[in-house]
N, C-alpha and C. Protein backbone atom coordinates (compact mmCIF):
# COMPACT_ATOMS: atom_id res chain seq x y z
N UNK A 1 -53.81 37.06 -43.06
CA UNK A 1 -52.61 37.24 -43.54
C UNK A 1 -52.46 38.55 -44.71
N UNK A 2 -52.00 39.70 -44.79
CA UNK A 2 -52.04 40.53 -46.01
C UNK A 2 -50.72 40.21 -46.63
N UNK A 3 -50.68 39.81 -47.46
CA UNK A 3 -49.28 39.95 -48.73
C UNK A 3 -49.22 41.36 -49.23
N UNK A 4 -47.95 41.54 -48.96
CA UNK A 4 -47.56 42.97 -49.46
C UNK A 4 -47.35 42.93 -50.68
N UNK A 5 -47.35 43.89 -51.69
CA UNK A 5 -47.39 43.57 -53.14
C UNK A 5 -45.54 43.47 -53.35
N UNK A 6 -45.17 42.87 -54.18
CA UNK A 6 -43.75 43.01 -54.55
C UNK A 6 -42.87 44.20 -55.04
N UNK A 7 -42.16 44.89 -54.58
CA UNK A 7 -41.65 45.99 -55.05
C UNK A 7 -40.97 45.71 -56.34
N UNK A 8 -40.74 46.13 -57.69
CA UNK A 8 -40.23 45.98 -58.61
C UNK A 8 -39.28 46.88 -59.18
N UNK A 9 -38.23 47.00 -59.47
CA UNK A 9 -37.53 47.83 -59.95
C UNK A 9 -38.18 48.84 -60.74
N UNK A 10 -37.86 50.01 -60.65
CA UNK A 10 -38.26 51.03 -61.80
C UNK A 10 -37.53 51.08 -63.43
N UNK A 11 -38.31 51.68 -64.02
CA UNK A 11 -37.36 51.73 -65.43
C UNK A 11 -36.73 53.02 -65.38
N UNK A 12 -35.82 52.94 -65.44
CA UNK A 12 -34.86 54.27 -65.34
C UNK A 12 -33.73 54.10 -66.50
N UNK A 13 -34.12 55.27 -67.64
CA UNK A 13 -33.27 55.20 -69.01
C UNK A 13 -32.15 55.98 -68.60
N UNK A 14 -30.91 55.50 -69.21
CA UNK A 14 -29.51 56.41 -69.51
C UNK A 14 -29.91 57.53 -69.76
N UNK A 15 -29.10 58.53 -69.72
CA UNK A 15 -29.17 59.71 -70.37
C UNK A 15 -29.66 60.17 -71.55
N UNK A 16 -28.87 59.20 -72.86
CA UNK A 16 -29.21 59.60 -74.31
C UNK A 16 -30.84 59.15 -74.50
N UNK A 17 -30.92 58.15 -73.55
CA UNK A 17 -32.35 57.60 -74.31
C UNK A 17 -33.15 58.05 -73.39
N UNK A 18 -32.94 58.66 -72.37
CA UNK A 18 -33.97 59.44 -71.83
C UNK A 18 -34.25 60.63 -72.76
N UNK A 19 -33.59 61.40 -73.39
CA UNK A 19 -33.28 62.51 -74.10
C UNK A 19 -34.62 62.16 -75.14
N UNK A 20 -34.19 61.08 -75.77
CA UNK A 20 -34.88 60.64 -76.81
C UNK A 20 -36.43 60.63 -76.52
N UNK A 21 -36.58 59.97 -75.47
CA UNK A 21 -37.90 59.71 -74.88
C UNK A 21 -38.59 61.28 -74.64
N UNK A 22 -37.72 62.31 -73.86
CA UNK A 22 -38.22 63.60 -73.72
C UNK A 22 -38.51 64.30 -75.00
N UNK A 23 -38.11 64.19 -75.99
CA UNK A 23 -38.50 64.79 -77.26
C UNK A 23 -39.73 63.98 -77.80
N UNK A 24 -39.84 62.82 -77.55
CA UNK A 24 -41.10 62.02 -78.05
C UNK A 24 -42.50 62.30 -77.41
N UNK A 25 -42.17 62.76 -75.99
CA UNK A 25 -43.50 63.54 -75.29
C UNK A 25 -43.61 64.98 -75.93
N UNK A 26 -42.71 65.62 -75.76
CA UNK A 26 -42.75 67.06 -76.15
C UNK A 26 -43.46 66.95 -77.63
N UNK A 27 -42.97 66.03 -78.67
CA UNK A 27 -43.88 65.90 -80.00
C UNK A 27 -45.10 65.29 -79.87
N UNK A 28 -45.49 64.37 -79.05
CA UNK A 28 -46.63 64.06 -78.89
C UNK A 28 -47.38 65.07 -78.04
N UNK A 29 -46.89 66.03 -77.24
CA UNK A 29 -48.07 66.64 -76.60
C UNK A 29 -48.05 68.16 -77.61
N UNK A 30 -47.46 68.04 -78.81
CA UNK A 30 -47.43 69.35 -79.90
C UNK A 30 -46.57 70.42 -78.91
N UNK A 31 -45.39 70.19 -78.21
CA UNK A 31 -44.96 71.30 -77.98
C UNK A 31 -45.75 72.24 -77.02
N UNK A 32 -46.80 72.11 -76.30
CA UNK A 32 -47.58 72.87 -75.45
C UNK A 32 -47.27 72.01 -74.04
N UNK A 33 -47.42 73.20 -73.17
CA UNK A 33 -48.06 72.44 -71.84
C UNK A 33 -49.29 71.91 -71.79
N UNK A 34 -49.40 71.26 -70.86
CA UNK A 34 -50.30 70.31 -70.73
C UNK A 34 -51.66 70.92 -70.24
N UNK A 35 -51.16 71.85 -69.18
CA UNK A 35 -52.25 72.43 -68.48
C UNK A 35 -52.48 73.90 -68.84
N UNK A 36 -51.72 74.81 -69.48
CA UNK A 36 -51.94 75.92 -69.68
C UNK A 36 -51.72 76.49 -71.20
N UNK A 37 -51.37 75.39 -71.94
CA UNK A 37 -51.37 75.26 -73.45
C UNK A 37 -49.97 76.54 -73.96
N UNK A 38 -49.42 77.01 -72.58
CA UNK A 38 -47.85 77.62 -73.46
C UNK A 38 -47.00 76.85 -74.01
N UNK A 39 -46.22 77.29 -75.17
CA UNK A 39 -45.43 76.95 -75.81
C UNK A 39 -44.05 77.32 -75.83
N UNK A 40 -43.58 77.59 -74.48
CA UNK A 40 -42.18 78.50 -74.06
C UNK A 40 -41.80 77.73 -72.74
N UNK A 41 -40.27 77.71 -72.31
CA UNK A 41 -40.21 77.13 -70.96
C UNK A 41 -40.70 75.38 -70.79
N UNK A 42 -40.52 74.63 -71.72
CA UNK A 42 -41.35 73.41 -71.59
C UNK A 42 -40.53 72.44 -70.66
N UNK A 43 -40.81 71.67 -70.15
CA UNK A 43 -40.27 70.72 -69.08
C UNK A 43 -40.79 69.41 -69.40
N UNK A 44 -40.40 68.45 -68.85
CA UNK A 44 -41.28 66.84 -68.97
C UNK A 44 -41.65 66.54 -68.02
N UNK A 45 -42.53 66.17 -66.92
CA UNK A 45 -42.68 65.75 -65.76
C UNK A 45 -43.53 64.62 -65.75
N UNK A 46 -42.78 63.67 -64.62
CA UNK A 46 -43.54 62.35 -64.16
C UNK A 46 -44.44 62.43 -63.78
N UNK A 47 -45.61 61.80 -64.16
CA UNK A 47 -46.70 61.80 -63.62
C UNK A 47 -46.43 61.28 -62.11
N UNK A 48 -45.81 59.64 -62.40
CA UNK A 48 -45.82 58.93 -60.87
C UNK A 48 -44.47 59.24 -60.72
N UNK A 49 -44.07 59.76 -59.50
CA UNK A 49 -42.57 60.34 -59.28
C UNK A 49 -41.76 59.05 -59.06
N UNK A 50 -40.45 59.45 -59.90
CA UNK A 50 -39.37 58.29 -59.99
C UNK A 50 -39.32 57.48 -58.41
N UNK A 51 -39.31 58.57 -57.43
CA UNK A 51 -39.26 57.97 -55.98
C UNK A 51 -40.02 56.87 -55.52
N UNK A 52 -41.36 57.10 -56.55
CA UNK A 52 -42.84 56.30 -56.09
C UNK A 52 -42.21 54.95 -57.02
N UNK A 53 -41.81 55.28 -57.62
CA UNK A 53 -41.39 53.76 -58.59
C UNK A 53 -42.20 54.28 -60.14
N UNK A 54 -42.13 55.73 -60.31
CA UNK A 54 -42.26 55.83 -61.79
C UNK A 54 -41.18 55.93 -62.78
N UNK A 55 -41.87 55.09 -63.87
CA UNK A 55 -40.53 54.74 -64.58
C UNK A 55 -40.60 55.89 -65.69
N UNK A 56 -39.68 55.76 -66.51
CA UNK A 56 -39.15 56.65 -67.41
C UNK A 56 -39.86 56.13 -68.71
N UNK A 57 -41.15 56.50 -68.74
CA UNK A 57 -41.94 55.53 -69.80
C UNK A 57 -43.02 56.83 -70.61
N UNK A 58 -43.01 56.42 -71.77
CA UNK A 58 -44.17 57.53 -72.37
C UNK A 58 -45.25 57.91 -71.36
N UNK A 59 -45.94 56.67 -71.43
CA UNK A 59 -47.19 56.81 -70.62
C UNK A 59 -47.33 57.49 -69.19
N UNK A 60 -46.12 57.66 -68.72
CA UNK A 60 -45.96 58.34 -67.47
C UNK A 60 -44.98 59.68 -67.39
N UNK A 61 -45.08 60.14 -68.42
CA UNK A 61 -44.58 61.57 -68.80
C UNK A 61 -45.35 62.44 -69.34
N UNK A 62 -45.51 63.74 -69.17
CA UNK A 62 -46.45 64.96 -69.40
C UNK A 62 -45.28 66.15 -69.48
N UNK A 63 -45.95 67.04 -71.03
CA UNK A 63 -45.03 68.04 -71.00
C UNK A 63 -45.89 69.03 -69.99
N UNK A 64 -45.00 69.87 -69.52
CA UNK A 64 -45.34 71.18 -68.53
C UNK A 64 -44.65 72.23 -68.73
N UNK A 65 -45.21 73.49 -68.75
CA UNK A 65 -44.07 75.03 -68.90
C UNK A 65 -43.61 74.72 -67.46
N UNK A 66 -42.56 75.62 -67.37
CA UNK A 66 -42.09 75.77 -66.00
C UNK A 66 -42.94 76.30 -64.64
N UNK A 67 -43.48 77.36 -65.26
CA UNK A 67 -44.87 77.51 -63.80
C UNK A 67 -45.63 76.33 -63.37
N UNK A 68 -46.30 75.78 -64.66
CA UNK A 68 -46.99 74.71 -64.05
C UNK A 68 -46.44 73.42 -63.41
N UNK A 69 -45.23 73.23 -63.77
CA UNK A 69 -44.30 72.15 -63.39
C UNK A 69 -43.98 72.61 -61.84
N UNK A 70 -43.44 73.92 -61.63
CA UNK A 70 -43.28 74.26 -59.87
C UNK A 70 -44.45 74.03 -59.23
N UNK A 71 -45.95 74.78 -59.73
CA UNK A 71 -46.98 74.64 -59.26
C UNK A 71 -47.25 73.03 -58.90
N UNK A 72 -47.27 72.11 -59.77
CA UNK A 72 -47.51 70.89 -59.52
C UNK A 72 -46.84 70.16 -58.16
N UNK A 73 -45.46 70.64 -58.60
CA UNK A 73 -44.71 69.81 -57.32
C UNK A 73 -44.74 70.98 -56.10
N UNK A 74 -45.35 71.79 -56.43
CA UNK A 74 -45.71 72.40 -54.91
C UNK A 74 -47.02 72.13 -54.10
N UNK A 75 -48.16 71.39 -55.10
CA UNK A 75 -48.89 71.01 -54.53
C UNK A 75 -50.22 71.87 -55.04
N UNK A 76 -49.81 73.16 -55.64
CA UNK A 76 -50.61 74.24 -55.80
C UNK A 76 -51.39 74.04 -57.19
N UNK A 77 -52.33 74.51 -57.63
CA UNK A 77 -53.33 74.11 -58.86
C UNK A 77 -52.56 75.42 -59.87
N UNK A 78 -52.17 74.67 -61.15
CA UNK A 78 -51.33 75.48 -61.68
C UNK A 78 -52.52 76.57 -62.34
N UNK A 79 -51.84 78.02 -62.97
CA UNK A 79 -52.77 79.12 -63.17
C UNK A 79 -53.23 78.61 -64.52
N UNK A 80 -54.24 79.24 -65.01
CA UNK A 80 -54.33 78.98 -66.52
C UNK A 80 -54.68 77.73 -67.19
N UNK A 81 -55.40 76.72 -66.01
CA UNK A 81 -55.80 75.60 -66.64
C UNK A 81 -56.79 75.45 -67.70
N UNK A 82 -56.18 74.51 -68.86
CA UNK A 82 -57.04 74.31 -69.97
C UNK A 82 -58.23 73.66 -69.30
N UNK A 83 -59.48 73.78 -70.25
CA UNK A 83 -60.44 73.00 -69.92
C UNK A 83 -60.47 71.67 -70.79
């Protein structure tokens, strides 16, 4: 018999706490897109989506510019990826 893993509730912060975490992520990432290096139009992306139990946690968030963020969600490879 195969036992399925117990689903756990995801960590989802309230708006004020999420805003503080978002700023921490931007500072940690040097206010740069972690794919192309752009320093404008930055957003914070969940590596593991909230809908897949991705937490609002520092280790699950990354800074992306709007273009790379859009490409990530559409399944396309971001243009200008840093090596």
